[in-house]
Amino acid sequence: MQYLKALNIGMGILIVLGMILLVYGFAVKSKPTPQPQQAGLSDVMGHINLDVAKECKKQNIIVDDQRLIIELGPDTIAQCAKILILDLGTGETLGTVSLYK
């Protein structure tokens, strides 16, 4: 009878310890993790020179899916009639669409 009583007390202690560990695990999992702060655009890219003539003016600027699309004009000047596509993450020029040869 003494062994059964000791076994019962031991099992009760193990159940209580298991419940404490379970609650601790849930508490650790539910704590929100801090998001790493992303570097600003100027921190990543620095200064970017697009080599655009002084006569060229921006006609339109669009931000779409981590891309910056800049439409230049006026269309009467061949070297200004183009669209520049830049990657916002790196500042790299992804492409240029010229409207005239």
N, C-alpha and C. Protein backbone atom coordinates (compact mmCIF):
# COMPACT_ATOMS: atom_id res chain seq x y z
N MET A 1 0.81 -1.19 0.00
CA MET A 1 0.00 0.00 0.00
C MET A 1 0.86 1.26 0.00
N GLN A 2 1.99 1.21 0.71
CA GLN A 2 2.88 2.37 0.75
C GLN A 2 3.44 2.67 -0.64
N TYR A 3 3.76 1.61 -1.41
CA TYR A 3 4.31 1.80 -2.76
C TYR A 3 3.27 2.42 -3.69
N LEU A 4 2.06 2.01 -3.57
CA LEU A 4 0.98 2.55 -4.39
C LEU A 4 0.73 4.03 -4.06
N LYS A 5 0.81 4.36 -2.78
CA LYS A 5 0.64 5.75 -2.36
C LYS A 5 1.78 6.62 -2.91
N ALA A 6 3.03 6.13 -2.82
CA ALA A 6 4.20 6.86 -3.33
C ALA A 6 4.12 7.01 -4.85
N LEU A 7 3.68 5.95 -5.54
CA LEU A 7 3.52 6.01 -6.99
C LEU A 7 2.47 7.04 -7.38
N ASN A 8 1.38 7.10 -6.65
CA ASN A 8 0.31 8.05 -6.91
C ASN A 8 0.79 9.49 -6.70
N ILE A 9 1.53 9.74 -5.64
CA ILE A 9 2.07 11.08 -5.38
C ILE A 9 3.09 11.46 -6.46
N GLY A 10 3.95 10.51 -6.83
CA GLY A 10 4.94 10.77 -7.90
C GLY A 10 4.28 11.10 -9.22
N MET A 11 3.23 10.37 -9.59
CA MET A 11 2.50 10.65 -10.84
C MET A 11 1.83 12.02 -10.77
N GLY A 12 1.29 12.38 -9.62
CA GLY A 12 0.67 13.70 -9.47
C GLY A 12 1.68 14.82 -9.66
N ILE A 13 2.88 14.63 -9.09
CA ILE A 13 3.95 15.64 -9.27
C ILE A 13 4.35 15.74 -10.73
N LEU A 14 4.47 14.61 -11.43
CA LEU A 14 4.83 14.63 -12.85
C LEU A 14 3.75 15.32 -13.70
N ILE A 15 2.48 15.11 -13.35
CA ILE A 15 1.39 15.75 -14.08
C ILE A 15 1.45 17.26 -13.88
N VAL A 16 1.68 17.70 -12.64
CA VAL A 16 1.76 19.15 -12.35
C VAL A 16 2.95 19.76 -13.09
N LEU A 17 4.11 19.09 -13.07
CA LEU A 17 5.29 19.61 -13.78
C LEU A 17 5.04 19.66 -15.29
N GLY A 18 4.38 18.65 -15.82
CA GLY A 18 4.05 18.64 -17.26
C GLY A 18 3.14 19.79 -17.64
N MET A 19 2.15 20.07 -16.79
CA MET A 19 1.24 21.19 -17.06
C MET A 19 1.97 22.52 -17.01
N ILE A 20 2.88 22.67 -16.05
CA ILE A 20 3.66 23.91 -15.95
C ILE A 20 4.50 24.09 -17.20
N LEU A 21 5.17 23.04 -17.66
CA LEU A 21 5.97 23.13 -18.88
C LEU A 21 5.11 23.42 -20.11
N LEU A 22 3.93 22.86 -20.16
CA LEU A 22 3.02 23.11 -21.28
C LEU A 22 2.59 24.57 -21.32
N VAL A 23 2.22 25.13 -20.18
CA VAL A 23 1.82 26.54 -20.11
C VAL A 23 2.99 27.44 -20.47
N TYR A 24 4.19 27.12 -19.99
CA TYR A 24 5.38 27.90 -20.33
C TYR A 24 5.65 27.86 -21.84
N GLY A 25 5.52 26.69 -22.44
CA GLY A 25 5.73 26.57 -23.89
C GLY A 25 4.74 27.41 -24.68
N PHE A 26 3.46 27.39 -24.28
CA PHE A 26 2.47 28.22 -24.96
C PHE A 26 2.77 29.71 -24.79
N ALA A 27 3.23 30.10 -23.60
CA ALA A 27 3.54 31.51 -23.34
C ALA A 27 4.71 31.97 -24.21
N VAL A 28 5.71 31.13 -24.35
CA VAL A 28 6.88 31.49 -25.18
C VAL A 28 6.49 31.58 -26.65
N LYS A 29 5.68 30.65 -27.12
CA LYS A 29 5.26 30.64 -28.53
C LYS A 29 4.37 31.81 -28.88
N SER A 30 3.53 32.24 -27.95
CA SER A 30 2.56 33.29 -28.26
C SER A 30 3.15 34.69 -28.15
N LYS A 31 4.35 34.82 -27.61
CA LYS A 31 4.98 36.14 -27.49
C LYS A 31 5.39 36.61 -28.89
N PRO A 32 4.97 37.83 -29.29
CA PRO A 32 5.33 38.29 -30.63
C PRO A 32 6.83 38.56 -30.74
N THR A 33 7.39 38.13 -31.87
CA THR A 33 8.81 38.38 -32.11
C THR A 33 8.96 39.73 -32.79
N PRO A 34 9.94 40.51 -32.39
CA PRO A 34 10.12 41.83 -33.01
C PRO A 34 10.58 41.69 -34.45
N GLN A 35 9.99 42.49 -35.34
CA GLN A 35 10.36 42.47 -36.75
C GLN A 35 11.65 43.27 -36.94
N PRO A 36 12.60 42.74 -37.72
CA PRO A 36 13.81 43.52 -37.98
C PRO A 36 13.46 44.76 -38.78
N GLN A 37 14.05 45.87 -38.39
CA GLN A 37 13.75 47.11 -39.08
C GLN A 37 14.46 47.12 -40.43
N GLN A 38 13.67 47.38 -41.47
CA GLN A 38 14.23 47.39 -42.80
C GLN A 38 14.97 48.70 -43.04
N ALA A 39 16.05 48.60 -43.78
CA ALA A 39 16.82 49.79 -44.10
C ALA A 39 16.01 50.68 -45.03
N GLY A 40 16.15 51.96 -44.85
CA GLY A 40 15.45 52.90 -45.72
C GLY A 40 16.01 52.88 -47.11
N LEU A 41 15.28 53.43 -48.03
CA LEU A 41 15.69 53.43 -49.44
C LEU A 41 17.02 54.15 -49.63
N SER A 42 17.21 55.27 -48.94
CA SER A 42 18.45 56.01 -49.09
C SER A 42 19.63 55.27 -48.47
N ASP A 43 19.38 54.44 -47.41
CA ASP A 43 20.45 53.66 -46.81
C ASP A 43 20.95 52.58 -47.76
N VAL A 44 20.04 51.98 -48.51
CA VAL A 44 20.40 50.90 -49.41
C VAL A 44 21.06 51.43 -50.67
N MET A 45 20.47 52.47 -51.25
CA MET A 45 20.91 52.91 -52.57
C MET A 45 21.94 54.03 -52.54
N GLY A 46 21.82 54.95 -51.62
CA GLY A 46 22.70 56.11 -51.66
C GLY A 46 22.27 57.03 -52.79
N HIS A 47 23.22 57.60 -53.51
CA HIS A 47 22.92 58.52 -54.60
C HIS A 47 22.92 57.75 -55.93
N ILE A 48 21.88 57.95 -56.71
CA ILE A 48 21.76 57.28 -58.00
C ILE A 48 21.70 58.34 -59.09
N ASN A 49 22.56 58.21 -60.08
CA ASN A 49 22.56 59.12 -61.21
C ASN A 49 21.97 58.38 -62.41
N LEU A 50 20.87 58.89 -62.95
CA LEU A 50 20.18 58.22 -64.06
C LEU A 50 20.69 58.65 -65.43
N ASP A 51 21.59 59.60 -65.48
CA ASP A 51 22.15 60.10 -66.75
C ASP A 51 21.05 60.52 -67.72
N VAL A 52 20.21 61.42 -67.26
CA VAL A 52 19.12 61.95 -68.08
C VAL A 52 19.49 63.37 -68.46
N ALA A 53 19.23 63.73 -69.73
CA ALA A 53 19.54 65.07 -70.21
C ALA A 53 18.73 66.12 -69.44
N LYS A 54 19.27 67.34 -69.36
CA LYS A 54 18.60 68.42 -68.62
C LYS A 54 17.26 68.81 -69.23
N GLU A 55 17.11 68.61 -70.52
CA GLU A 55 15.85 68.97 -71.18
C GLU A 55 14.71 68.04 -70.80
N CYS A 56 15.03 66.87 -70.30
CA CYS A 56 14.01 65.86 -69.98
C CYS A 56 13.29 66.22 -68.69
N LYS A 57 12.01 66.02 -68.70
CA LYS A 57 11.17 66.26 -67.53
C LYS A 57 10.45 64.96 -67.18
N LYS A 58 10.16 64.78 -65.91
CA LYS A 58 9.38 63.61 -65.53
C LYS A 58 7.92 63.84 -65.89
N GLN A 59 7.35 62.90 -66.58
CA GLN A 59 5.95 62.98 -66.97
C GLN A 59 5.07 62.25 -65.97
N ASN A 60 5.57 61.11 -65.46
CA ASN A 60 4.78 60.28 -64.57
C ASN A 60 5.72 59.41 -63.75
N ILE A 61 5.38 59.16 -62.49
CA ILE A 61 6.14 58.26 -61.62
C ILE A 61 5.16 57.28 -60.99
N ILE A 62 5.46 55.98 -61.13
CA ILE A 62 4.59 54.94 -60.60
C ILE A 62 5.42 53.99 -59.74
N VAL A 63 4.88 53.63 -58.57
CA VAL A 63 5.50 52.61 -57.73
C VAL A 63 4.63 51.37 -57.84
N ASP A 64 5.26 50.26 -58.29
CA ASP A 64 4.49 49.04 -58.50
C ASP A 64 5.34 47.83 -58.15
N ASP A 65 4.95 47.09 -57.09
CA ASP A 65 5.57 45.82 -56.74
C ASP A 65 7.09 45.90 -56.66
N GLN A 66 7.60 46.73 -55.77
CA GLN A 66 9.03 46.92 -55.55
C GLN A 66 9.76 47.48 -56.77
N ARG A 67 9.01 48.14 -57.64
CA ARG A 67 9.64 48.79 -58.80
C ARG A 67 9.21 50.24 -58.85
N LEU A 68 10.12 51.09 -59.28
CA LEU A 68 9.83 52.50 -59.50
C LEU A 68 9.89 52.72 -61.02
N ILE A 69 8.78 53.18 -61.58
CA ILE A 69 8.69 53.39 -63.03
C ILE A 69 8.61 54.89 -63.27
N ILE A 70 9.58 55.42 -64.00
CA ILE A 70 9.65 56.86 -64.28
C ILE A 70 9.47 57.07 -65.78
N GLU A 71 8.44 57.82 -66.13
CA GLU A 71 8.20 58.15 -67.54
C GLU A 71 8.76 59.56 -67.78
N LEU A 72 9.66 59.64 -68.78
CA LEU A 72 10.31 60.92 -69.10
C LEU A 72 9.73 61.49 -70.38
N GLY A 73 9.85 62.77 -70.54
CA GLY A 73 9.37 63.46 -71.74
C GLY A 73 10.06 64.79 -71.85
N PRO A 74 9.74 65.62 -72.76
CA PRO A 74 8.64 65.54 -73.71
C PRO A 74 8.96 64.58 -74.86
N ASP A 75 7.90 64.14 -75.52
CA ASP A 75 8.06 63.17 -76.61
C ASP A 75 8.72 63.76 -77.85
N THR A 76 8.79 65.07 -77.92
CA THR A 76 9.38 65.71 -79.10
C THR A 76 10.90 65.58 -79.10
N ILE A 77 11.51 65.35 -77.97
CA ILE A 77 12.96 65.16 -77.89
C ILE A 77 13.22 63.65 -77.79
N ALA A 78 13.90 63.08 -78.79
CA ALA A 78 14.07 61.63 -78.88
C ALA A 78 14.78 61.04 -77.65
N GLN A 79 15.78 61.72 -77.14
CA GLN A 79 16.52 61.17 -76.00
C GLN A 79 15.73 61.23 -74.69
N CYS A 80 14.66 62.01 -74.67
CA CYS A 80 13.83 62.12 -73.46
C CYS A 80 12.62 61.20 -73.49
N ALA A 81 12.24 60.70 -74.65
CA ALA A 81 11.03 59.88 -74.77
C ALA A 81 11.35 58.45 -74.37
N LYS A 82 11.41 58.21 -73.04
CA LYS A 82 11.70 56.86 -72.57
C LYS A 82 11.10 56.63 -71.20
N ILE A 83 11.09 55.38 -70.80
CA ILE A 83 10.57 54.95 -69.50
C ILE A 83 11.69 54.20 -68.79
N LEU A 84 12.00 54.61 -67.56
CA LEU A 84 13.02 53.95 -66.75
C LEU A 84 12.35 53.09 -65.69
N ILE A 85 12.87 51.89 -65.48
CA ILE A 85 12.33 50.98 -64.46
C ILE A 85 13.45 50.66 -63.49
N LEU A 86 13.24 51.01 -62.19
CA LEU A 86 14.25 50.82 -61.15
C LEU A 86 13.74 49.84 -60.10
N ASP A 87 14.65 49.06 -59.52
CA ASP A 87 14.33 48.16 -58.41
C ASP A 87 14.42 48.97 -57.12
N LEU A 88 13.33 49.01 -56.34
CA LEU A 88 13.32 49.79 -55.10
C LEU A 88 14.20 49.17 -54.02
N GLY A 89 14.43 47.89 -54.07
CA GLY A 89 15.25 47.24 -53.06
C GLY A 89 16.73 47.53 -53.20
N THR A 90 17.21 47.58 -54.43
CA THR A 90 18.64 47.75 -54.66
C THR A 90 19.00 49.07 -55.33
N GLY A 91 18.04 49.71 -55.97
CA GLY A 91 18.32 50.94 -56.71
C GLY A 91 18.86 50.67 -58.11
N GLU A 92 18.93 49.43 -58.48
CA GLU A 92 19.47 49.02 -59.77
C GLU A 92 18.46 49.32 -60.89
N THR A 93 18.96 49.75 -62.04
CA THR A 93 18.10 49.99 -63.19
C THR A 93 17.76 48.64 -63.82
N LEU A 94 16.48 48.29 -63.79
CA LEU A 94 16.05 47.00 -64.35
C LEU A 94 15.90 47.07 -65.86
N GLY A 95 15.54 48.24 -66.36
CA GLY A 95 15.37 48.36 -67.80
C GLY A 95 15.01 49.76 -68.21
N THR A 96 15.15 50.01 -69.51
CA THR A 96 14.80 51.29 -70.12
C THR A 96 14.02 50.99 -71.40
N VAL A 97 12.90 51.68 -71.55
CA VAL A 97 12.09 51.53 -72.76
C VAL A 97 12.18 52.85 -73.52
N SER A 98 12.84 52.83 -74.68
CA SER A 98 12.94 54.03 -75.52
C SER A 98 11.82 54.03 -76.54
N LEU A 99 11.18 55.18 -76.70
CA LEU A 99 10.07 55.27 -77.64
C LEU A 99 10.54 55.52 -79.08
N TYR A 100 11.76 56.05 -79.25
CA TYR A 100 12.32 56.30 -80.59
C TYR A 100 13.70 55.67 -80.64
N LYS A 101 14.17 55.42 -81.88
CA LYS A 101 15.51 54.88 -82.07
C LYS A 101 16.55 55.93 -81.88
